[in-house]
């Protein structure tokens, strides 16, 4: 079962995916070629939006660690 899951995840990483719609991608590529900072702003915005799920996961792990530590001490 774990081997299937591993190969399934590896298989999904083989495909190229785009995080933007086709129009947004074309605008970002053309502005980057022209030297504008729109593409840099778009990339910064994507990184900003990606930050929050990781922060939530971090707080979840901290919460689980504290609860487990309190259960052991009780």
PDB file of N, CA and C in Angstrom:
ATOM      1  N   UNK A   1       0.823  -1.190   0.000  1.00  0.00           N
ATOM      2  CA  UNK A   1       0.000   0.000   0.000  1.00  0.00           C
ATOM      3  C   UNK A   1       0.871   1.260   0.000  1.00  0.00           C
ATOM      4  N   UNK A   2       1.902   1.287   0.856  1.00  0.00           N
ATOM      5  CA  UNK A   2       2.769   2.457   0.909  1.00  0.00           C
ATOM      6  C   UNK A   2       3.560   2.619  -0.384  1.00  0.00           C
ATOM      7  N   UNK A   3       3.931   1.502  -0.983  1.00  0.00           N
ATOM      8  CA  UNK A   3       4.675   1.559  -2.236  1.00  0.00           C
ATOM      9  C   UNK A   3       3.804   2.140  -3.350  1.00  0.00           C
ATOM     10  N   UNK A   4       2.537   1.745  -3.390  1.00  0.00           N
ATOM     11  CA  UNK A   4       1.611   2.299  -4.384  1.00  0.00           C
ATOM     12  C   UNK A   4       1.439   3.795  -4.188  1.00  0.00           C
ATOM     13  N   UNK A   5       1.289   4.210  -2.935  1.00  0.00           N
ATOM     14  CA  UNK A   5       1.134   5.630  -2.641  1.00  0.00           C
ATOM     15  C   UNK A   5       2.378   6.407  -3.061  1.00  0.00           C
ATOM     16  N   UNK A   6       3.534   5.866  -2.770  1.00  0.00           N
ATOM     17  CA  UNK A   6       4.789   6.515  -3.143  1.00  0.00           C
ATOM     18  C   UNK A   6       4.892   6.686  -4.655  1.00  0.00           C
ATOM     19  N   UNK A   7       4.637   5.612  -5.396  1.00  0.00           N
ATOM     20  CA  UNK A   7       4.728   5.705  -6.854  1.00  0.00           C
ATOM     21  C   UNK A   7       3.620   6.577  -7.430  1.00  0.00           C
ATOM     22  N   UNK A   8       2.465   6.574  -6.809  1.00  0.00           N
ATOM     23  CA  UNK A   8       1.387   7.453  -7.253  1.00  0.00           C
ATOM     24  C   UNK A   8       1.757   8.916  -7.094  1.00  0.00           C
ATOM     25  N   UNK A   9       2.365   9.262  -5.973  1.00  0.00           N
ATOM     26  CA  UNK A   9       2.802  10.642  -5.763  1.00  0.00           C
ATOM     27  C   UNK A   9       3.930  11.016  -6.714  1.00  0.00           C
ATOM     28  N   UNK A  10       4.852  10.104  -6.936  1.00  0.00           N
ATOM     29  CA  UNK A  10       5.941  10.370  -7.882  1.00  0.00           C
ATOM     30  C   UNK A  10       5.399  10.560  -9.295  1.00  0.00           C
ATOM     31  N   UNK A  11       4.386   9.801  -9.650  1.00  0.00           N
ATOM     32  CA  UNK A  11       3.790   9.904 -10.979  1.00  0.00           C
ATOM     33  C   UNK A  11       3.118  11.257 -11.173  1.00  0.00           C
ATOM     34  N   UNK A  12       2.465  11.775 -10.131  1.00  0.00           N
ATOM     35  CA  UNK A  12       1.798  13.067 -10.265  1.00  0.00           C
ATOM     36  C   UNK A  12       2.794  14.209 -10.367  1.00  0.00           C
ATOM     37  N   UNK A  13       4.008  14.020  -9.888  1.00  0.00           N
ATOM     38  CA  UNK A  13       5.009  15.078  -9.972  1.00  0.00           C
ATOM     39  C   UNK A  13       5.632  15.185 -11.360  1.00  0.00           C
ATOM     40  N   UNK A  14       5.359  14.230 -12.227  1.00  0.00           N
ATOM     41  CA  UNK A  14       5.926  14.254 -13.570  1.00  0.00           C
ATOM     42  C   UNK A  14       5.257  15.278 -14.479  1.00  0.00           C
ATOM     43  N   UNK A  15       4.030  15.654 -14.165  1.00  0.00           N
ATOM     44  CA  UNK A  15       3.272  16.535 -15.038  1.00  0.00           C
ATOM     45  C   UNK A  15       3.500  17.992 -14.664  1.00  0.00           C
ATOM     46  N   UNK A  16       3.574  18.829 -15.674  1.00  0.00           N
ATOM     47  CA  UNK A  16       3.750  20.255 -15.451  1.00  0.00           C
ATOM     48  C   UNK A  16       2.379  20.873 -15.212  1.00  0.00           C
ATOM     49  N   UNK A  17       2.278  21.694 -14.209  1.00  0.00           N
ATOM     50  CA  UNK A  17       1.008  22.352 -13.922  1.00  0.00           C
ATOM     51  C   UNK A  17       1.245  23.846 -13.779  1.00  0.00           C
ATOM     52  N   UNK A  18       0.226  24.609 -14.085  1.00  0.00           N
ATOM     53  CA  UNK A  18       0.315  26.058 -14.006  1.00  0.00           C
ATOM     54  C   UNK A  18      -0.581  26.544 -12.876  1.00  0.00           C
ATOM     55  N   UNK A  19      -0.087  27.519 -12.123  1.00  0.00           N
ATOM     56  CA  UNK A  19      -0.852  28.025 -10.997  1.00  0.00           C
ATOM     57  C   UNK A  19      -1.703  29.222 -11.391  1.00  0.00           C
ATOM     58  N   UNK A  20      -1.678  29.585 -12.643  1.00  0.00           N
ATOM     59  CA  UNK A  20      -2.402  30.756 -13.099  1.00  0.00           C
ATOM     60  C   UNK A  20      -3.266  30.376 -14.294  1.00  0.00           C
ATOM     61  N   UNK A  21      -4.257  31.218 -14.546  1.00  0.00           N
ATOM     62  CA  UNK A  21      -5.043  31.003 -15.761  1.00  0.00           C
ATOM     63  C   UNK A  21      -4.170  31.378 -16.961  1.00  0.00           C
ATOM     64  N   UNK A  22      -4.605  31.010 -18.129  1.00  0.00           N
ATOM     65  CA  UNK A  22      -3.799  31.241 -19.330  1.00  0.00           C
ATOM     66  C   UNK A  22      -3.563  32.727 -19.581  1.00  0.00           C
ATOM     67  N   UNK A  23      -4.571  33.544 -19.341  1.00  0.00           N
ATOM     68  CA  UNK A  23      -4.424  34.981 -19.581  1.00  0.00           C
ATOM     69  C   UNK A  23      -3.433  35.605 -18.601  1.00  0.00           C
ATOM     70  N   UNK A  24      -3.515  35.221 -17.334  1.00  0.00           N
ATOM     71  CA  UNK A  24      -2.582  35.765 -16.333  1.00  0.00           C
ATOM     72  C   UNK A  24      -1.152  35.360 -16.663  1.00  0.00           C
ATOM     73  N   UNK A  25      -0.981  34.135 -17.112  1.00  0.00           N
ATOM     74  CA  UNK A  25       0.359  33.667 -17.451  1.00  0.00           C
ATOM     75  C   UNK A  25       0.937  34.451 -18.623  1.00  0.00           C
ATOM     76  N   UNK A  26       0.125  34.709 -19.646  1.00  0.00           N
ATOM     77  CA  UNK A  26       0.600  35.451 -20.819  1.00  0.00           C
ATOM     78  C   UNK A  26       0.977  36.875 -20.425  1.00  0.00           C
ATOM     79  N   UNK A  27       0.154  37.521 -19.597  1.00  0.00           N
ATOM     80  CA  UNK A  27       0.453  38.886 -19.163  1.00  0.00           C
ATOM     81  C   UNK A  27       1.735  38.906 -18.340  1.00  0.00           C
ATOM     82  N   UNK A  28       1.897  37.939 -17.449  1.00  0.00           N
ATOM     83  CA  UNK A  28       3.098  37.893 -16.610  1.00  0.00           C
ATOM     84  C   UNK A  28       4.345  37.648 -17.454  1.00  0.00           C
ATOM     85  N   UNK A  29       4.260  36.749 -18.423  1.00  0.00           N
ATOM     86  CA  UNK A  29       5.419  36.466 -19.273  1.00  0.00           C
ATOM     87  C   UNK A  29       5.778  37.663 -20.146  1.00  0.00           C
ATOM     88  N   UNK A  30       4.766  38.308 -20.725  1.00  0.00           N
ATOM     89  CA  UNK A  30       5.056  39.444 -21.603  1.00  0.00           C
ATOM     90  C   UNK A  30       5.579  40.634 -20.813  1.00  0.00           C
ATOM     91  N   UNK A  31       5.081  40.841 -19.601  1.00  0.00           N
ATOM     92  CA  UNK A  31       5.580  41.969 -18.812  1.00  0.00           C
ATOM     93  C   UNK A  31       6.993  41.695 -18.308  1.00  0.00           C
ATOM     94  N   UNK A  32       7.304  40.446 -18.044  1.00  0.00           N
ATOM     95  CA  UNK A  32       8.653  40.111 -17.597  1.00  0.00           C
ATOM     96  C   UNK A  32       9.653  40.307 -18.739  1.00  0.00           C
ATOM     97  N   UNK A  33       9.242  39.979 -19.946  1.00  0.00           N
ATOM     98  CA  UNK A  33      10.118  40.192 -21.097  1.00  0.00           C
ATOM     99  C   UNK A  33      10.333  41.677 -21.353  1.00  0.00           C
ATOM    100  N   UNK A  34       9.313  42.492 -21.062  1.00  0.00           N
ATOM    101  CA  UNK A  34       9.423  43.929 -21.292  1.00  0.00           C
ATOM    102  C   UNK A  34      10.177  44.630 -20.169  1.00  0.00           C
ATOM    103  N   UNK A  35      10.453  43.932 -19.095  1.00  0.00           N
ATOM    104  CA  UNK A  35      11.210  44.518 -17.996  1.00  0.00           C
ATOM    105  C   UNK A  35      10.341  45.117 -16.903  1.00  0.00           C
ATOM    106  N   UNK A  36       9.038  44.956 -16.986  1.00  0.00           N
ATOM    107  CA  UNK A  36       8.146  45.504 -15.963  1.00  0.00           C
ATOM    108  C   UNK A  36       8.200  44.641 -14.707  1.00  0.00           C
ATOM    109  N   UNK A  37       7.714  45.183 -13.619  1.00  0.00           N
ATOM    110  CA  UNK A  37       7.762  44.466 -12.342  1.00  0.00           C
ATOM    111  C   UNK A  37       6.459  43.747 -12.032  1.00  0.00           C
ATOM    112  N   UNK A  38       5.539  43.671 -12.983  1.00  0.00           N
ATOM    113  CA  UNK A  38       4.270  42.993 -12.743  1.00  0.00           C
ATOM    114  C   UNK A  38       4.484  41.521 -12.426  1.00  0.00           C
ATOM    115  N   UNK A  39       5.377  40.877 -13.135  1.00  0.00           N
ATOM    116  CA  UNK A  39       5.634  39.451 -12.887  1.00  0.00           C
ATOM    117  C   UNK A  39       6.219  39.244 -11.503  1.00  0.00           C
ATOM    118  N   UNK A  40       7.105  40.117 -11.076  1.00  0.00           N
ATOM    119  CA  UNK A  40       7.674  39.999  -9.732  1.00  0.00           C
ATOM    120  C   UNK A  40       6.598  40.193  -8.675  1.00  0.00           C
ATOM    121  N   UNK A  41       5.694  41.136  -8.895  1.00  0.00           N
ATOM    122  CA  UNK A  41       4.592  41.348  -7.957  1.00  0.00           C
ATOM    123  C   UNK A  41       3.655  40.159  -7.917  1.00  0.00           C
ATOM    124  N   UNK A  42       3.398  39.554  -9.062  1.00  0.00           N
ATOM    125  CA  UNK A  42       2.541  38.375  -9.122  1.00  0.00           C
ATOM    126  C   UNK A  42       3.181  37.211  -8.381  1.00  0.00           C
ATOM    127  N   UNK A  43       4.475  37.015  -8.566  1.00  0.00           N
ATOM    128  CA  UNK A  43       5.181  35.947  -7.856  1.00  0.00           C
ATOM    129  C   UNK A  43       5.191  36.196  -6.355  1.00  0.00           C
ATOM    130  N   UNK A  44       5.378  37.445  -5.946  1.00  0.00           N
ATOM    131  CA  UNK A  44       5.346  37.768  -4.514  1.00  0.00           C
ATOM    132  C   UNK A  44       3.968  37.506  -3.929  1.00  0.00           C
ATOM    133  N   UNK A  45       2.929  37.828  -4.681  1.00  0.00           N
ATOM    134  CA  UNK A  45       1.567  37.574  -4.212  1.00  0.00           C
ATOM    135  C   UNK A  45       1.286  36.092  -4.048  1.00  0.00           C
ATOM    136  N   UNK A  46       1.780  35.282  -4.960  1.00  0.00           N
ATOM    137  CA  UNK A  46       1.594  33.834  -4.858  1.00  0.00           C
ATOM    138  C   UNK A  46       2.317  33.301  -3.630  1.00  0.00           C
ATOM    139  N   UNK A  47       3.536  33.764  -3.397  1.00  0.00           N
ATOM    140  CA  UNK A  47       4.277  33.330  -2.212  1.00  0.00           C
ATOM    141  C   UNK A  47       3.581  33.780  -0.935  1.00  0.00           C
ATOM    142  N   UNK A  48       3.012  34.973  -0.944  1.00  0.00           N
ATOM    143  CA  UNK A  48       2.278  35.486   0.214  1.00  0.00           C
ATOM    144  C   UNK A  48       1.068  34.602   0.510  1.00  0.00           C
ATOM    145  N   UNK A  49       0.341  34.203  -0.510  1.00  0.00           N
ATOM    146  CA  UNK A  49      -0.829  33.339  -0.316  1.00  0.00           C
ATOM    147  C   UNK A  49      -0.434  31.934   0.120  1.00  0.00           C
ATOM    148  N   UNK A  50       0.737  31.463  -0.304  1.00  0.00           N
ATOM    149  CA  UNK A  50       1.195  30.125   0.090  1.00  0.00           C
ATOM    150  C   UNK A  50       1.653  30.076   1.539  1.00  0.00           C
ATOM    151  N   UNK A  51       1.975  31.224   2.105  1.00  0.00           N
ATOM    152  CA  UNK A  51       2.525  31.274   3.454  1.00  0.00           C
ATOM    153  C   UNK A  51       1.497  30.846   4.505  1.00  0.00           C
ATOM    154  N   UNK A  52       0.239  31.203   4.362  1.00  0.00           N
ATOM    155  CA  UNK A  52      -0.760  30.967   5.401  1.00  0.00           C
ATOM    156  C   UNK A  52      -1.071  29.496   5.661  1.00  0.00           C
ATOM    157  N   UNK A  53      -1.200  28.645   4.657  1.00  0.00           N
ATOM    158  CA  UNK A  53      -1.410  27.224   4.978  1.00  0.00           C
ATOM    159  C   UNK A  53      -0.259  26.616   5.765  1.00  0.00           C
ATOM    160  N   UNK A  54       0.970  27.011   5.445  1.00  0.00           N
ATOM    161  CA  UNK A  54       2.115  26.483   6.179  1.00  0.00           C
ATOM    162  C   UNK A  54       2.135  26.984   7.618  1.00  0.00           C
ATOM    163  N   UNK A  55       1.729  28.216   7.836  1.00  0.00           N
ATOM    164  CA  UNK A  55       1.641  28.737   9.202  1.00  0.00           C
ATOM    165  C   UNK A  55       0.587  27.972   9.985  1.00  0.00           C
ATOM    166  N   UNK A  56      -0.558  27.686   9.367  1.00  0.00           N
ATOM    167  CA  UNK A  56      -1.601  26.910  10.044  1.00  0.00           C
ATOM    168  C   UNK A  56      -1.118  25.505  10.383  1.00  0.00           C
ATOM    169  N   UNK A  57      -0.397  24.886   9.480  1.00  0.00           N
ATOM    170  CA  UNK A  57       0.149  23.549   9.749  1.00  0.00           C
ATOM    171  C   UNK A  57       1.152  23.616  10.893  1.00  0.00           C
ATOM    172  N   UNK A  58       1.980  24.646  10.922  1.00  0.00           N
ATOM    173  CA  UNK A  58       2.950  24.818  12.005  1.00  0.00           C
ATOM    174  C   UNK A  58       2.244  24.945  13.350  1.00  0.00           C
ATOM    175  N   UNK A  59       1.202  25.773  13.418  1.00  0.00           N
ATOM    176  CA  UNK A  59       0.458  25.916  14.668  1.00  0.00           C
ATOM    177  C   UNK A  59      -0.226  24.611  15.059  1.00  0.00           C
ATOM    178  N   UNK A  60      -0.685  23.842  14.074  1.00  0.00           N
ATOM    179  CA  UNK A  60      -1.281  22.542  14.369  1.00  0.00           C
ATOM    180  C   UNK A  60      -0.278  21.592  15.002  1.00  0.00           C
ATOM    181  N   UNK A  61       0.931  21.547  14.465  1.00  0.00           N
ATOM    182  CA  UNK A  61       1.968  20.688  15.044  1.00  0.00           C
ATOM    183  C   UNK A  61       2.361  21.147  16.442  1.00  0.00           C
ATOM    184  N   UNK A  62       2.462  22.461  16.634  1.00  0.00           N
ATOM    185  CA  UNK A  62       2.784  22.975  17.969  1.00  0.00           C
ATOM    186  C   UNK A  62       1.682  22.612  18.951  1.00  0.00           C
ATOM    187  N   UNK A  63       0.431  22.761  18.544  1.00  0.00           N
ATOM    188  CA  UNK A  63      -0.708  22.432  19.404  1.00  0.00           C
ATOM    189  C   UNK A  63      -0.695  20.943  19.764  1.00  0.00           C
ATOM    190  N   UNK A  64      -0.434  20.077  18.770  1.00  0.00           N
ATOM    191  CA  UNK A  64      -0.381  18.638  19.047  1.00  0.00           C
ATOM    192  C   UNK A  64       0.778  18.302  19.980  1.00  0.00           C
ATOM    193  N   UNK A  65       1.922  18.940  19.797  1.00  0.00           N
ATOM    194  CA  UNK A  65       3.085  18.694  20.646  1.00  0.00           C
ATOM    195  C   UNK A  65       2.793  19.088  22.092  1.00  0.00           C
ATOM    196  N   UNK A  66       2.177  20.248  22.282  1.00  0.00           N
ATOM    197  CA  UNK A  66       1.864  20.712  23.635  1.00  0.00           C
ATOM    198  C   UNK A  66       0.840  19.790  24.288  1.00  0.00           C
ATOM    199  N   UNK A  67      -0.180  19.370  23.549  1.00  0.00           N
ATOM    200  CA  UNK A  67      -1.187  18.460  24.114  1.00  0.00           C
ATOM    201  C   UNK A  67      -0.569  17.117  24.483  1.00  0.00           C
ATOM    202  N   UNK A  68       0.306  16.604  23.630  1.00  0.00           N
ATOM    203  CA  UNK A  68       0.956  15.323  23.915  1.00  0.00           C
ATOM    204  C   UNK A  68       1.868  15.444  25.133  1.00  0.00           C
ATOM    205  N   UNK A  69       2.587  16.546  25.232  1.00  0.00           N
ATOM    206  CA  UNK A  69       3.475  16.780  26.362  1.00  0.00           C
ATOM    207  C   UNK A  69       2.671  16.911  27.663  1.00  0.00           C
ATOM    208  N   UNK A  70       1.528  17.597  27.624  1.00  0.00           N
ATOM    209  CA  UNK A  70       0.675  17.733  28.806  1.00  0.00           C
ATOM    210  C   UNK A  70       0.072  16.395  29.212  1.00  0.00           C
ATOM    211  N   UNK A  71      -0.276  15.559  28.225  1.00  0.00           N
ATOM    212  CA  UNK A  71      -0.850  14.245  28.531  1.00  0.00           C
ATOM    213  C   UNK A  71       0.185  13.344  29.193  1.00  0.00           C
ATOM    214  N   UNK A  72       1.430  13.450  28.783  1.00  0.00           N
ATOM    215  CA  UNK A  72       2.493  12.641  29.386  1.00  0.00           C
ATOM    216  C   UNK A  72       2.763  13.106  30.814  1.00  0.00           C
ATOM    217  N   UNK A  73       2.746  14.415  31.034  1.00  0.00           N
ATOM    218  CA  UNK A  73       3.019  14.961  32.363  1.00  0.00           C
ATOM    219  C   UNK A  73       1.865  14.760  33.340  1.00  0.00           C
ATOM    220  N   UNK A  74       0.666  14.529  32.850  1.00  0.00           N
ATOM    221  CA  UNK A  74      -0.503  14.376  33.738  1.00  0.00           C
ATOM    222  C   UNK A  74      -0.575  13.025  34.382  1.00  0.00           C
TER     223      UNK A  74
END
